[in-house]
Amino acid sequence: MSHISSARLLIMACSATKRIDPGYIPAIERYDGPLWQTLRSVDPDGTKAKVAFLSARLGFRSAAAPIENYDARMTVETAAAMKAGGLITR
């Protein structure tokens, strides 16, 4: 049986806890809540799964996408707008 890492997709929620580094850094490094810390610990080289996230501000994106520090919460209105316009709608 062969190992097929590209067949796995892990979708995570963004994290209110973020690294405050200036500028843009990959989301997998920016988000710093417990689940993100665990992910970096158990899959440091990113070979076990492709990772994506859902954010109130950024929508649905790859965890490799560079993002800046921000603060936004998912509201009923934001979720409804995303559903109406697609998950990449901000």
N, C-alpha and C. Protein backbone atom coordinates (compact mmCIF):
# COMPACT_ATOMS: atom_id res chain seq x y z
N MET A 1 0.85 -1.17 0.00
CA MET A 1 0.00 0.00 0.00
C MET A 1 0.90 1.24 0.00
N SER A 2 0.66 2.14 -0.93
CA SER A 2 1.50 3.34 -1.00
C SER A 2 0.89 4.49 -0.21
N HIS A 3 1.76 5.38 0.22
CA HIS A 3 1.34 6.56 0.98
C HIS A 3 0.94 7.66 0.00
N ILE A 4 -0.30 8.12 0.06
CA ILE A 4 -0.79 9.14 -0.86
C ILE A 4 -1.20 10.37 -0.06
N SER A 5 -0.24 11.23 0.24
CA SER A 5 -0.52 12.41 1.06
C SER A 5 -1.39 13.42 0.33
N SER A 6 -1.28 13.49 -1.00
CA SER A 6 -2.04 14.50 -1.73
C SER A 6 -3.54 14.21 -1.71
N ALA A 7 -3.95 13.02 -1.29
CA ALA A 7 -5.36 12.67 -1.23
C ALA A 7 -6.04 13.20 0.02
N ARG A 8 -5.26 13.73 0.97
CA ARG A 8 -5.83 14.23 2.22
C ARG A 8 -5.94 15.74 2.18
N LEU A 9 -7.11 16.23 2.57
CA LEU A 9 -7.32 17.67 2.71
C LEU A 9 -7.83 17.93 4.11
N LEU A 10 -7.12 18.75 4.85
CA LEU A 10 -7.52 19.13 6.20
C LEU A 10 -7.99 20.57 6.14
N ILE A 11 -9.25 20.79 6.52
CA ILE A 11 -9.81 22.15 6.53
C ILE A 11 -9.93 22.59 7.98
N MET A 12 -9.27 23.70 8.29
CA MET A 12 -9.23 24.20 9.66
C MET A 12 -9.92 25.56 9.73
N ALA A 13 -10.40 25.88 10.90
CA ALA A 13 -10.89 27.23 11.15
C ALA A 13 -9.67 28.12 11.35
N CYS A 14 -9.82 29.38 11.02
CA CYS A 14 -8.73 30.31 11.33
C CYS A 14 -8.60 30.38 12.85
N SER A 15 -7.71 31.20 13.33
CA SER A 15 -7.48 31.28 14.77
C SER A 15 -7.48 32.74 15.21
N ALA A 16 -8.14 33.03 16.32
CA ALA A 16 -8.09 34.38 16.87
C ALA A 16 -6.68 34.69 17.37
N THR A 17 -5.95 33.64 17.77
CA THR A 17 -4.57 33.83 18.21
C THR A 17 -3.67 33.80 16.99
N LYS A 18 -2.97 34.91 16.77
CA LYS A 18 -2.10 35.01 15.61
C LYS A 18 -0.74 35.56 16.01
N ARG A 19 0.28 35.16 15.26
CA ARG A 19 1.59 35.78 15.42
C ARG A 19 1.50 37.20 14.90
N ILE A 20 2.15 38.12 15.57
CA ILE A 20 2.02 39.53 15.20
C ILE A 20 3.15 40.02 14.29
N ASP A 21 3.88 39.10 13.69
CA ASP A 21 4.94 39.48 12.76
C ASP A 21 4.40 40.48 11.74
N PRO A 22 5.20 41.47 11.36
CA PRO A 22 4.74 42.45 10.37
C PRO A 22 4.66 41.83 8.97
N GLY A 23 3.88 42.45 8.11
CA GLY A 23 3.79 42.02 6.73
C GLY A 23 3.00 40.74 6.56
N TYR A 24 3.27 40.06 5.45
CA TYR A 24 2.56 38.84 5.09
C TYR A 24 3.45 37.63 5.37
N ILE A 25 2.87 36.62 6.03
CA ILE A 25 3.54 35.34 6.23
C ILE A 25 2.51 34.24 5.94
N PRO A 26 2.94 33.01 5.62
CA PRO A 26 1.98 31.95 5.35
C PRO A 26 1.00 31.77 6.51
N ALA A 27 -0.25 31.53 6.17
CA ALA A 27 -1.29 31.36 7.19
C ALA A 27 -0.92 30.29 8.20
N ILE A 28 -0.27 29.22 7.75
CA ILE A 28 0.09 28.13 8.66
C ILE A 28 1.08 28.61 9.73
N GLU A 29 1.80 29.68 9.44
CA GLU A 29 2.70 30.27 10.43
C GLU A 29 2.01 31.40 11.20
N ARG A 30 1.12 32.14 10.55
CA ARG A 30 0.43 33.27 11.19
C ARG A 30 -0.51 32.80 12.28
N TYR A 31 -1.38 31.82 11.97
CA TYR A 31 -2.33 31.33 12.96
C TYR A 31 -1.58 30.56 14.04
N ASP A 32 -1.88 30.87 15.30
CA ASP A 32 -1.08 30.29 16.37
C ASP A 32 -1.91 29.72 17.53
N GLY A 33 -3.16 29.38 17.26
CA GLY A 33 -3.98 28.73 18.28
C GLY A 33 -3.53 27.29 18.49
N PRO A 34 -4.09 26.61 19.49
CA PRO A 34 -3.67 25.25 19.83
C PRO A 34 -3.72 24.25 18.68
N LEU A 35 -4.75 24.30 17.85
CA LEU A 35 -4.83 23.34 16.74
C LEU A 35 -3.75 23.60 15.70
N TRP A 36 -3.46 24.87 15.46
CA TRP A 36 -2.41 25.22 14.49
C TRP A 36 -1.04 24.82 15.03
N GLN A 37 -0.83 25.00 16.32
CA GLN A 37 0.44 24.59 16.93
C GLN A 37 0.60 23.07 16.83
N THR A 38 -0.49 22.35 17.08
CA THR A 38 -0.45 20.89 16.97
C THR A 38 -0.16 20.47 15.53
N LEU A 39 -0.82 21.10 14.58
CA LEU A 39 -0.58 20.79 13.17
C LEU A 39 0.89 20.97 12.81
N ARG A 40 1.47 22.08 13.20
CA ARG A 40 2.89 22.32 12.89
C ARG A 40 3.79 21.30 13.58
N SER A 41 3.37 20.84 14.74
CA SER A 41 4.16 19.86 15.49
C SER A 41 4.11 18.47 14.85
N VAL A 42 2.92 18.03 14.44
CA VAL A 42 2.78 16.66 13.92
C VAL A 42 3.07 16.55 12.42
N ASP A 43 3.06 17.67 11.72
CA ASP A 43 3.34 17.64 10.28
C ASP A 43 4.22 18.83 9.90
N PRO A 44 5.43 18.88 10.46
CA PRO A 44 6.27 20.06 10.25
C PRO A 44 6.67 20.31 8.80
N ASP A 45 6.74 19.26 8.00
CA ASP A 45 7.13 19.46 6.60
C ASP A 45 5.94 19.47 5.65
N GLY A 46 4.72 19.38 6.19
CA GLY A 46 3.51 19.48 5.38
C GLY A 46 3.27 18.34 4.42
N THR A 47 3.71 17.15 4.75
CA THR A 47 3.54 16.02 3.83
C THR A 47 2.34 15.14 4.15
N LYS A 48 1.75 15.28 5.31
CA LYS A 48 0.64 14.39 5.69
C LYS A 48 -0.69 14.80 5.09
N ALA A 49 -0.85 16.09 4.80
CA ALA A 49 -2.11 16.55 4.24
C ALA A 49 -1.93 17.94 3.64
N LYS A 50 -2.78 18.25 2.69
CA LYS A 50 -2.89 19.63 2.22
C LYS A 50 -3.82 20.32 3.21
N VAL A 51 -3.49 21.54 3.60
CA VAL A 51 -4.25 22.23 4.63
C VAL A 51 -4.86 23.49 4.05
N ALA A 52 -6.12 23.70 4.37
CA ALA A 52 -6.83 24.92 3.99
C ALA A 52 -7.52 25.47 5.23
N PHE A 53 -7.95 26.72 5.15
CA PHE A 53 -8.64 27.33 6.29
C PHE A 53 -9.82 28.15 5.80
N LEU A 54 -10.76 28.38 6.72
CA LEU A 54 -11.89 29.25 6.47
C LEU A 54 -11.80 30.41 7.44
N SER A 55 -11.81 31.62 6.89
CA SER A 55 -11.65 32.84 7.67
C SER A 55 -12.79 33.80 7.39
N ALA A 56 -13.22 34.52 8.41
CA ALA A 56 -14.27 35.52 8.24
C ALA A 56 -13.81 36.64 7.31
N ARG A 57 -12.54 36.94 7.31
CA ARG A 57 -12.03 38.03 6.47
C ARG A 57 -11.55 37.54 5.11
N LEU A 58 -10.93 36.37 5.07
CA LEU A 58 -10.25 35.92 3.86
C LEU A 58 -10.99 34.84 3.09
N GLY A 59 -12.02 34.28 3.68
CA GLY A 59 -12.74 33.20 3.02
C GLY A 59 -12.00 31.89 3.13
N PHE A 60 -12.11 31.06 2.10
CA PHE A 60 -11.52 29.73 2.08
C PHE A 60 -10.22 29.81 1.28
N ARG A 61 -9.11 29.46 1.93
CA ARG A 61 -7.80 29.58 1.27
C ARG A 61 -6.85 28.47 1.71
N SER A 62 -5.79 28.32 0.95
CA SER A 62 -4.72 27.40 1.31
C SER A 62 -3.96 27.94 2.51
N ALA A 63 -3.54 27.06 3.41
CA ALA A 63 -2.75 27.47 4.56
C ALA A 63 -1.37 27.97 4.16
N ALA A 64 -0.98 27.73 2.92
CA ALA A 64 0.30 28.25 2.42
C ALA A 64 0.18 29.70 1.97
N ALA A 65 -1.04 30.20 1.84
CA ALA A 65 -1.26 31.57 1.35
C ALA A 65 -0.69 32.58 2.34
N PRO A 66 0.08 33.55 1.85
CA PRO A 66 0.59 34.59 2.75
C PRO A 66 -0.55 35.52 3.18
N ILE A 67 -0.63 35.77 4.47
CA ILE A 67 -1.68 36.65 5.00
C ILE A 67 -1.06 37.63 6.00
N GLU A 68 -1.72 38.77 6.15
CA GLU A 68 -1.26 39.74 7.14
C GLU A 68 -2.03 39.52 8.43
N ASN A 69 -1.60 40.16 9.50
CA ASN A 69 -2.29 40.07 10.78
C ASN A 69 -3.61 40.84 10.65
N TYR A 70 -4.70 40.28 11.16
CA TYR A 70 -6.01 40.92 11.10
C TYR A 70 -6.84 40.45 12.27
N ASP A 71 -7.97 41.10 12.46
CA ASP A 71 -8.91 40.69 13.50
C ASP A 71 -10.32 40.77 12.93
N ALA A 72 -10.95 39.64 12.73
CA ALA A 72 -12.32 39.60 12.22
C ALA A 72 -13.00 38.36 12.77
N ARG A 73 -14.25 38.50 13.10
CA ARG A 73 -15.04 37.37 13.62
C ARG A 73 -16.11 36.98 12.61
N MET A 74 -16.39 35.69 12.56
CA MET A 74 -17.46 35.20 11.69
C MET A 74 -18.79 35.55 12.33
N THR A 75 -19.61 36.28 11.59
CA THR A 75 -20.96 36.61 12.05
C THR A 75 -21.97 35.91 11.17
N VAL A 76 -23.21 35.94 11.57
CA VAL A 76 -24.27 35.36 10.76
C VAL A 76 -24.31 36.07 9.40
N GLU A 77 -24.13 37.38 9.41
CA GLU A 77 -24.16 38.16 8.18
C GLU A 77 -22.99 37.81 7.26
N THR A 78 -21.80 37.68 7.84
CA THR A 78 -20.62 37.32 7.04
C THR A 78 -20.80 35.93 6.43
N ALA A 79 -21.27 35.00 7.23
CA ALA A 79 -21.49 33.63 6.73
C ALA A 79 -22.52 33.62 5.61
N ALA A 80 -23.59 34.40 5.76
CA ALA A 80 -24.63 34.46 4.72
C ALA A 80 -24.06 35.05 3.43
N ALA A 81 -23.23 36.09 3.55
CA ALA A 81 -22.62 36.70 2.36
C ALA A 81 -21.68 35.72 1.68
N MET A 82 -20.93 34.94 2.47
CA MET A 82 -20.03 33.94 1.88
C MET A 82 -20.82 32.87 1.15
N LYS A 83 -21.93 32.42 1.75
CA LYS A 83 -22.75 31.41 1.11
C LYS A 83 -23.34 31.93 -0.20
N ALA A 84 -23.76 33.18 -0.20
CA ALA A 84 -24.38 33.77 -1.38
C ALA A 84 -23.36 34.03 -2.48
N GLY A 85 -22.15 34.45 -2.09
CA GLY A 85 -21.16 34.84 -3.09
C GLY A 85 -20.04 33.88 -3.29
N GLY A 86 -20.03 32.78 -2.57
CA GLY A 86 -18.95 31.80 -2.66
C GLY A 86 -18.00 31.96 -1.48
N LEU A 87 -17.29 30.90 -1.16
CA LEU A 87 -16.45 30.90 0.03
C LEU A 87 -15.24 31.82 -0.07
N ILE A 88 -14.92 32.31 -1.27
CA ILE A 88 -13.79 33.24 -1.34
C ILE A 88 -14.26 34.68 -1.16
N THR A 89 -15.56 34.88 -0.99
CA THR A 89 -16.11 36.21 -0.74
C THR A 89 -15.68 36.69 0.62
N ARG A 90 -15.25 37.95 0.68
CA ARG A 90 -14.85 38.52 1.96
C ARG A 90 -15.95 39.38 2.50
